[in-house]
Amino acid sequence: MDLLKQLESKMQALVHQRNQLREELEALKAAGAGEEREVQSLRAQLEEATAEKVALERDREAVKDQVAAILRALEALG
């Protein structure tokens, strides 16, 4: 009888441990999903910033071309 009680006690401890590990696994999965959403958000922000950078570079080139044209026109006048 003593052996059965020991086995039952160990079995209950193992079941409890298994349940705790399942809960921890679920918590880790939930945290991972949250981090994945954050990574996706950061990627989207990076894409937006890159697109803005490209647009600003185009604008800068256009301004440089306009300044060069103005300087050429001034030189032609002077």
PDB file of N, CA and C in Angstrom:
ATOM      1  N   MET A   1       0.814  -1.192   0.000  1.00  0.00           N
ATOM      2  CA  MET A   1       0.000   0.000   0.000  1.00  0.00           C
ATOM      3  C   MET A   1       0.861   1.261   0.000  1.00  0.00           C
ATOM      4  N   ASP A   2       1.929   1.220   0.769  1.00  0.00           N
ATOM      5  CA  ASP A   2       2.813   2.374   0.854  1.00  0.00           C
ATOM      6  C   ASP A   2       3.398   2.715  -0.518  1.00  0.00           C
ATOM      7  N   LEU A   3       3.760   1.695  -1.265  1.00  0.00           N
ATOM      8  CA  LEU A   3       4.325   1.867  -2.592  1.00  0.00           C
ATOM      9  C   LEU A   3       3.302   2.508  -3.523  1.00  0.00           C
ATOM     10  N   LEU A   4       2.053   2.098  -3.432  1.00  0.00           N
ATOM     11  CA  LEU A   4       1.001   2.679  -4.267  1.00  0.00           C
ATOM     12  C   LEU A   4       0.794   4.148  -3.943  1.00  0.00           C
ATOM     13  N   LYS A   5       0.834   4.487  -2.672  1.00  0.00           N
ATOM     14  CA  LYS A   5       0.676   5.882  -2.279  1.00  0.00           C
ATOM     15  C   LYS A   5       1.844   6.725  -2.790  1.00  0.00           C
ATOM     16  N   GLN A   6       3.051   6.169  -2.740  1.00  0.00           N
ATOM     17  CA  GLN A   6       4.221   6.885  -3.248  1.00  0.00           C
ATOM     18  C   GLN A   6       4.096   7.101  -4.754  1.00  0.00           C
ATOM     19  N   LEU A   7       3.673   6.061  -5.451  1.00  0.00           N
ATOM     20  CA  LEU A   7       3.500   6.163  -6.904  1.00  0.00           C
ATOM     21  C   LEU A   7       2.413   7.178  -7.251  1.00  0.00           C
ATOM     22  N   GLU A   8       1.325   7.145  -6.490  1.00  0.00           N
ATOM     23  CA  GLU A   8       0.244   8.098  -6.729  1.00  0.00           C
ATOM     24  C   GLU A   8       0.725   9.530  -6.485  1.00  0.00           C
ATOM     25  N   SER A   9       1.498   9.713  -5.433  1.00  0.00           N
ATOM     26  CA  SER A   9       2.025  11.033  -5.112  1.00  0.00           C
ATOM     27  C   SER A   9       2.967  11.524  -6.214  1.00  0.00           C
ATOM     28  N   LYS A  10       3.831  10.641  -6.684  1.00  0.00           N
ATOM     29  CA  LYS A  10       4.751  10.999  -7.764  1.00  0.00           C
ATOM     30  C   LYS A  10       3.978  11.302  -9.046  1.00  0.00           C
ATOM     31  N   MET A  11       2.942  10.509  -9.291  1.00  0.00           N
ATOM     32  CA  MET A  11       2.128  10.720 -10.492  1.00  0.00           C
ATOM     33  C   MET A  11       1.441  12.075 -10.435  1.00  0.00           C
ATOM     34  N   GLN A  12       0.907  12.437  -9.278  1.00  0.00           N
ATOM     35  CA  GLN A  12       0.260  13.733  -9.120  1.00  0.00           C
ATOM     36  C   GLN A  12       1.269  14.868  -9.300  1.00  0.00           C
ATOM     37  N   ALA A  13       2.454  14.686  -8.769  1.00  0.00           N
ATOM     38  CA  ALA A  13       3.498  15.701  -8.917  1.00  0.00           C
ATOM     39  C   ALA A  13       3.871  15.862 -10.387  1.00  0.00           C
ATOM     40  N   LEU A  14       3.977  14.756 -11.114  1.00  0.00           N
ATOM     41  CA  LEU A  14       4.309  14.819 -12.537  1.00  0.00           C
ATOM     42  C   LEU A  14       3.196  15.479 -13.351  1.00  0.00           C
ATOM     43  N   VAL A  15       1.960  15.168 -13.010  1.00  0.00           N
ATOM     44  CA  VAL A  15       0.829  15.789 -13.706  1.00  0.00           C
ATOM     45  C   VAL A  15       0.822  17.286 -13.436  1.00  0.00           C
ATOM     46  N   HIS A  16       1.082  17.667 -12.193  1.00  0.00           N
ATOM     47  CA  HIS A  16       1.139  19.083 -11.843  1.00  0.00           C
ATOM     48  C   HIS A  16       2.269  19.783 -12.608  1.00  0.00           C
ATOM     49  N   GLN A  17       3.421  19.129 -12.652  1.00  0.00           N
ATOM     50  CA  GLN A  17       4.557  19.691 -13.380  1.00  0.00           C
ATOM     51  C   GLN A  17       4.238  19.823 -14.872  1.00  0.00           C
ATOM     52  N   ARG A  18       3.590  18.813 -15.446  1.00  0.00           N
ATOM     53  CA  ARG A  18       3.205  18.856 -16.858  1.00  0.00           C
ATOM     54  C   ARG A  18       2.270  20.037 -17.116  1.00  0.00           C
ATOM     55  N   ASN A  19       1.301  20.226 -16.225  1.00  0.00           N
ATOM     56  CA  ASN A  19       0.360  21.334 -16.381  1.00  0.00           C
ATOM     57  C   ASN A  19       1.072  22.695 -16.297  1.00  0.00           C
ATOM     58  N   GLN A  20       2.027  22.801 -15.383  1.00  0.00           N
ATOM     59  CA  GLN A  20       2.795  24.041 -15.277  1.00  0.00           C
ATOM     60  C   GLN A  20       3.591  24.294 -16.552  1.00  0.00           C
ATOM     61  N   LEU A  21       4.201  23.248 -17.091  1.00  0.00           N
ATOM     62  CA  LEU A  21       4.976  23.396 -18.314  1.00  0.00           C
ATOM     63  C   LEU A  21       4.092  23.784 -19.493  1.00  0.00           C
ATOM     64  N   ARG A  22       2.893  23.233 -19.532  1.00  0.00           N
ATOM     65  CA  ARG A  22       1.953  23.616 -20.597  1.00  0.00           C
ATOM     66  C   ARG A  22       1.594  25.097 -20.484  1.00  0.00           C
ATOM     67  N   GLU A  23       1.348  25.546 -19.269  1.00  0.00           N
ATOM     68  CA  GLU A  23       1.019  26.961 -19.055  1.00  0.00           C
ATOM     69  C   GLU A  23       2.179  27.854 -19.470  1.00  0.00           C
ATOM     70  N   GLU A  24       3.398  27.451 -19.104  1.00  0.00           N
ATOM     71  CA  GLU A  24       4.578  28.219 -19.491  1.00  0.00           C
ATOM     72  C   GLU A  24       4.727  28.259 -21.005  1.00  0.00           C
ATOM     73  N   LEU A  25       4.484  27.126 -21.653  1.00  0.00           N
ATOM     74  CA  LEU A  25       4.572  27.053 -23.109  1.00  0.00           C
ATOM     75  C   LEU A  25       3.559  27.986 -23.759  1.00  0.00           C
ATOM     76  N   GLU A  26       2.347  27.982 -23.256  1.00  0.00           N
ATOM     77  CA  GLU A  26       1.313  28.869 -23.797  1.00  0.00           C
ATOM     78  C   GLU A  26       1.695  30.337 -23.608  1.00  0.00           C
ATOM     79  N   ALA A  27       2.260  30.652 -22.433  1.00  0.00           N
ATOM     80  CA  ALA A  27       2.692  32.027 -22.176  1.00  0.00           C
ATOM     81  C   ALA A  27       3.809  32.428 -23.129  1.00  0.00           C
ATOM     82  N   LEU A  28       4.749  31.515 -23.362  1.00  0.00           N
ATOM     83  CA  LEU A  28       5.840  31.804 -24.291  1.00  0.00           C
ATOM     84  C   LEU A  28       5.324  31.978 -25.714  1.00  0.00           C
ATOM     85  N   LYS A  29       4.358  31.161 -26.098  1.00  0.00           N
ATOM     86  CA  LYS A  29       3.772  31.296 -27.433  1.00  0.00           C
ATOM     87  C   LYS A  29       3.084  32.641 -27.582  1.00  0.00           C
ATOM     88  N   ALA A  30       2.354  33.043 -26.540  1.00  0.00           N
ATOM     89  CA  ALA A  30       1.660  34.330 -26.580  1.00  0.00           C
ATOM     90  C   ALA A  30       2.666  35.478 -26.655  1.00  0.00           C
ATOM     91  N   ALA A  31       3.729  35.388 -25.893  1.00  0.00           N
ATOM     92  CA  ALA A  31       4.764  36.425 -25.922  1.00  0.00           C
ATOM     93  C   ALA A  31       5.426  36.469 -27.292  1.00  0.00           C
ATOM     94  N   GLY A  32       5.670  35.297 -27.861  1.00  0.00           N
ATOM     95  CA  GLY A  32       6.277  35.232 -29.184  1.00  0.00           C
ATOM     96  C   GLY A  32       5.388  35.842 -30.245  1.00  0.00           C
ATOM     97  N   ALA A  33       4.099  35.640 -30.123  1.00  0.00           N
ATOM     98  CA  ALA A  33       3.159  36.219 -31.085  1.00  0.00           C
ATOM     99  C   ALA A  33       3.177  37.741 -30.973  1.00  0.00           C
ATOM    100  N   GLY A  34       3.256  38.237 -29.754  1.00  0.00           N
ATOM    101  CA  GLY A  34       3.332  39.683 -29.546  1.00  0.00           C
ATOM    102  C   GLY A  34       4.602  40.259 -30.140  1.00  0.00           C
ATOM    103  N   GLU A  35       5.712  39.558 -29.958  1.00  0.00           N
ATOM    104  CA  GLU A  35       6.978  40.015 -30.514  1.00  0.00           C
ATOM    105  C   GLU A  35       6.940  39.971 -32.042  1.00  0.00           C
ATOM    106  N   GLU A  36       6.304  38.967 -32.592  1.00  0.00           N
ATOM    107  CA  GLU A  36       6.192  38.869 -34.054  1.00  0.00           C
ATOM    108  C   GLU A  36       5.401  40.049 -34.614  1.00  0.00           C
ATOM    109  N   ARG A  37       4.331  40.422 -33.919  1.00  0.00           N
ATOM    110  CA  ARG A  37       3.557  41.594 -34.358  1.00  0.00           C
ATOM    111  C   ARG A  37       4.418  42.857 -34.288  1.00  0.00           C
ATOM    112  N   GLU A  38       5.220  42.970 -33.247  1.00  0.00           N
ATOM    113  CA  GLU A  38       6.092  44.136 -33.104  1.00  0.00           C
ATOM    114  C   GLU A  38       7.127  44.164 -34.223  1.00  0.00           C
ATOM    115  N   VAL A  39       7.684  43.003 -34.554  1.00  0.00           N
ATOM    116  CA  VAL A  39       8.662  42.929 -35.643  1.00  0.00           C
ATOM    117  C   VAL A  39       8.007  43.335 -36.958  1.00  0.00           C
ATOM    118  N   GLN A  40       6.799  42.857 -37.206  1.00  0.00           N
ATOM    119  CA  GLN A  40       6.094  43.230 -38.430  1.00  0.00           C
ATOM    120  C   GLN A  40       5.829  44.731 -38.478  1.00  0.00           C
ATOM    121  N   SER A  41       5.457  45.296 -37.347  1.00  0.00           N
ATOM    122  CA  SER A  41       5.220  46.736 -37.278  1.00  0.00           C
ATOM    123  C   SER A  41       6.503  47.501 -37.570  1.00  0.00           C
ATOM    124  N   LEU A  42       7.603  47.055 -36.986  1.00  0.00           N
ATOM    125  CA  LEU A  42       8.887  47.716 -37.229  1.00  0.00           C
ATOM    126  C   LEU A  42       9.307  47.589 -38.689  1.00  0.00           C
ATOM    127  N   ARG A  43       9.044  46.441 -39.298  1.00  0.00           N
ATOM    128  CA  ARG A  43       9.361  46.275 -40.719  1.00  0.00           C
ATOM    129  C   ARG A  43       8.547  47.248 -41.569  1.00  0.00           C
ATOM    130  N   ALA A  44       7.278  47.397 -41.231  1.00  0.00           N
ATOM    131  CA  ALA A  44       6.424  48.324 -41.972  1.00  0.00           C
ATOM    132  C   ALA A  44       6.937  49.756 -41.812  1.00  0.00           C
ATOM    133  N   GLN A  45       7.341  50.122 -40.601  1.00  0.00           N
ATOM    134  CA  GLN A  45       7.885  51.454 -40.365  1.00  0.00           C
ATOM    135  C   GLN A  45       9.173  51.665 -41.159  1.00  0.00           C
ATOM    136  N   LEU A  46      10.003  50.618 -41.213  1.00  0.00           N
ATOM    137  CA  LEU A  46      11.248  50.707 -41.972  1.00  0.00           C
ATOM    138  C   LEU A  46      10.957  50.907 -43.458  1.00  0.00           C
ATOM    139  N   GLU A  47       9.984  50.180 -43.983  1.00  0.00           N
ATOM    140  CA  GLU A  47       9.616  50.331 -45.387  1.00  0.00           C
ATOM    141  C   GLU A  47       9.113  51.750 -45.665  1.00  0.00           C
ATOM    142  N   GLU A  48       8.297  52.283 -44.760  1.00  0.00           N
ATOM    143  CA  GLU A  48       7.794  53.650 -44.918  1.00  0.00           C
ATOM    144  C   GLU A  48       8.938  54.658 -44.885  1.00  0.00           C
ATOM    145  N   ALA A  49       9.858  54.480 -43.938  1.00  0.00           N
ATOM    146  CA  ALA A  49      10.989  55.400 -43.816  1.00  0.00           C
ATOM    147  C   ALA A  49      11.880  55.319 -45.058  1.00  0.00           C
ATOM    148  N   THR A  50      12.058  54.125 -45.579  1.00  0.00           N
ATOM    149  CA  THR A  50      12.872  53.955 -46.789  1.00  0.00           C
ATOM    150  C   THR A  50      12.203  54.645 -47.974  1.00  0.00           C
ATOM    151  N   ALA A  51      10.899  54.490 -48.089  1.00  0.00           N
ATOM    152  CA  ALA A  51      10.169  55.145 -49.180  1.00  0.00           C
ATOM    153  C   ALA A  51      10.267  56.667 -49.049  1.00  0.00           C
ATOM    154  N   GLU A  52      10.157  57.188 -47.831  1.00  0.00           N
ATOM    155  CA  GLU A  52      10.287  58.628 -47.606  1.00  0.00           C
ATOM    156  C   GLU A  52      11.695  59.103 -47.966  1.00  0.00           C
ATOM    157  N   LYS A  53      12.689  58.301 -47.610  1.00  0.00           N
ATOM    158  CA  LYS A  53      14.073  58.655 -47.916  1.00  0.00           C
ATOM    159  C   LYS A  53      14.270  58.747 -49.425  1.00  0.00           C
ATOM    160  N   VAL A  54      13.739  57.783 -50.152  1.00  0.00           N
ATOM    161  CA  VAL A  54      13.856  57.789 -51.607  1.00  0.00           C
ATOM    162  C   VAL A  54      13.176  59.031 -52.181  1.00  0.00           C
ATOM    163  N   ALA A  55      11.995  59.360 -51.664  1.00  0.00           N
ATOM    164  CA  ALA A  55      11.274  60.544 -52.142  1.00  0.00           C
ATOM    165  C   ALA A  55      12.070  61.810 -51.845  1.00  0.00           C
ATOM    166  N   LEU A  56      12.656  61.893 -50.651  1.00  0.00           N
ATOM    167  CA  LEU A  56      13.456  63.069 -50.299  1.00  0.00           C
ATOM    168  C   LEU A  56      14.706  63.171 -51.163  1.00  0.00           C
ATOM    169  N   GLU A  57      15.311  62.031 -51.475  1.00  0.00           N
ATOM    170  CA  GLU A  57      16.484  62.052 -52.359  1.00  0.00           C
ATOM    171  C   GLU A  57      16.108  62.550 -53.749  1.00  0.00           C
ATOM    172  N   ARG A  58      14.944  62.127 -54.239  1.00  0.00           N
ATOM    173  CA  ARG A  58      14.470  62.617 -55.547  1.00  0.00           C
ATOM    174  C   ARG A  58      14.240  64.127 -55.499  1.00  0.00           C
ATOM    175  N   ASP A  59      13.590  64.574 -54.419  1.00  0.00           N
ATOM    176  CA  ASP A  59      13.345  66.008 -54.270  1.00  0.00           C
ATOM    177  C   ASP A  59      14.660  66.780 -54.224  1.00  0.00           C
ATOM    178  N   ARG A  60      15.626  66.259 -53.490  1.00  0.00           N
ATOM    179  CA  ARG A  60      16.936  66.918 -53.382  1.00  0.00           C
ATOM    180  C   ARG A  60      17.588  67.021 -54.754  1.00  0.00           C
ATOM    181  N   GLU A  61      17.533  65.962 -55.534  1.00  0.00           N
ATOM    182  CA  GLU A  61      18.110  65.981 -56.877  1.00  0.00           C
ATOM    183  C   GLU A  61      17.391  67.009 -57.760  1.00  0.00           C
ATOM    184  N   ALA A  62      16.076  67.079 -57.621  1.00  0.00           N
ATOM    185  CA  ALA A  62      15.312  68.049 -58.405  1.00  0.00           C
ATOM    186  C   ALA A  62      15.710  69.468 -58.017  1.00  0.00           C
ATOM    187  N   VAL A  63      15.896  69.724 -56.726  1.00  0.00           N
ATOM    188  CA  VAL A  63      16.302  71.055 -56.265  1.00  0.00           C
ATOM    189  C   VAL A  63      17.704  71.370 -56.771  1.00  0.00           C
ATOM    190  N   LYS A  64      18.594  70.389 -56.718  1.00  0.00           N
ATOM    191  CA  LYS A  64      19.953  70.603 -57.227  1.00  0.00           C
ATOM    192  C   LYS A  64      19.915  70.960 -58.706  1.00  0.00           C
ATOM    193  N   ASP A  65      19.082  70.264 -59.459  1.00  0.00           N
ATOM    194  CA  ASP A  65      18.951  70.565 -60.891  1.00  0.00           C
ATOM    195  C   ASP A  65      18.410  71.974 -61.099  1.00  0.00           C
ATOM    196  N   GLN A  66      17.440  72.376 -60.293  1.00  0.00           N
ATOM    197  CA  GLN A  66      16.869  73.719 -60.409  1.00  0.00           C
ATOM    198  C   GLN A  66      17.907  74.785 -60.058  1.00  0.00           C
ATOM    199  N   VAL A  67      18.672  74.539 -59.005  1.00  0.00           N
ATOM    200  CA  VAL A  67      19.722  75.488 -58.610  1.00  0.00           C
ATOM    201  C   VAL A  67      20.756  75.596 -59.723  1.00  0.00           C
ATOM    202  N   ALA A  68      21.131  74.460 -60.283  1.00  0.00           N
ATOM    203  CA  ALA A  68      22.106  74.488 -61.382  1.00  0.00           C
ATOM    204  C   ALA A  68      21.559  75.268 -62.573  1.00  0.00           C
ATOM    205  N   ALA A  69      20.279  75.088 -62.870  1.00  0.00           N
ATOM    206  CA  ALA A  69      19.668  75.821 -63.981  1.00  0.00           C
ATOM    207  C   ALA A  69      19.641  77.317 -63.700  1.00  0.00           C
ATOM    208  N   ILE A  70      19.332  77.685 -62.471  1.00  0.00           N
ATOM    209  CA  ILE A  70      19.308  79.102 -62.086  1.00  0.00           C
ATOM    210  C   ILE A  70      20.707  79.691 -62.198  1.00  0.00           C
ATOM    211  N   LEU A  71      21.713  78.961 -61.733  1.00  0.00           N
ATOM    212  CA  LEU A  71      23.085  79.450 -61.823  1.00  0.00           C
ATOM    213  C   LEU A  71      23.525  79.617 -63.279  1.00  0.00           C
ATOM    214  N   ARG A  72      23.143  78.661 -64.115  1.00  0.00           N
ATOM    215  CA  ARG A  72      23.476  78.785 -65.541  1.00  0.00           C
ATOM    216  C   ARG A  72      22.790  80.013 -66.155  1.00  0.00           C
ATOM    217  N   ALA A  73      21.537  80.236 -65.756  1.00  0.00           N
ATOM    218  CA  ALA A  73      20.814  81.404 -66.277  1.00  0.00           C
ATOM    219  C   ALA A  73      21.463  82.695 -65.804  1.00  0.00           C
ATOM    220  N   LEU A  74      21.909  82.740 -64.558  1.00  0.00           N
ATOM    221  CA  LEU A  74      22.589  83.934 -64.035  1.00  0.00           C
ATOM    222  C   LEU A  74      23.912  84.170 -64.752  1.00  0.00           C
ATOM    223  N   GLU A  75      24.650  83.086 -65.003  1.00  0.00           N
ATOM    224  CA  GLU A  75      25.912  83.211 -65.712  1.00  0.00           C
ATOM    225  C   GLU A  75      25.680  83.732 -67.131  1.00  0.00           C
ATOM    226  N   ALA A  76      24.604  83.254 -67.748  1.00  0.00           N
ATOM    227  CA  ALA A  76      24.291  83.704 -69.106  1.00  0.00           C
ATOM    228  C   ALA A  76      23.942  85.180 -69.118  1.00  0.00           C
ATOM    229  N   LEU A  77      23.326  85.664 -68.062  1.00  0.00           N
ATOM    230  CA  LEU A  77      22.967  87.082 -67.978  1.00  0.00           C
ATOM    231  C   LEU A  77      24.184  87.957 -67.680  1.00  0.00           C
ATOM    232  N   GLY A  78      25.082  87.414 -66.873  1.00  0.00           N
ATOM    233  CA  GLY A  78      26.179  88.241 -66.385  1.00  0.00           C
ATOM    234  C   GLY A  78      27.319  88.243 -67.281  1.00  0.00           C
TER     235      GLY A  78
END
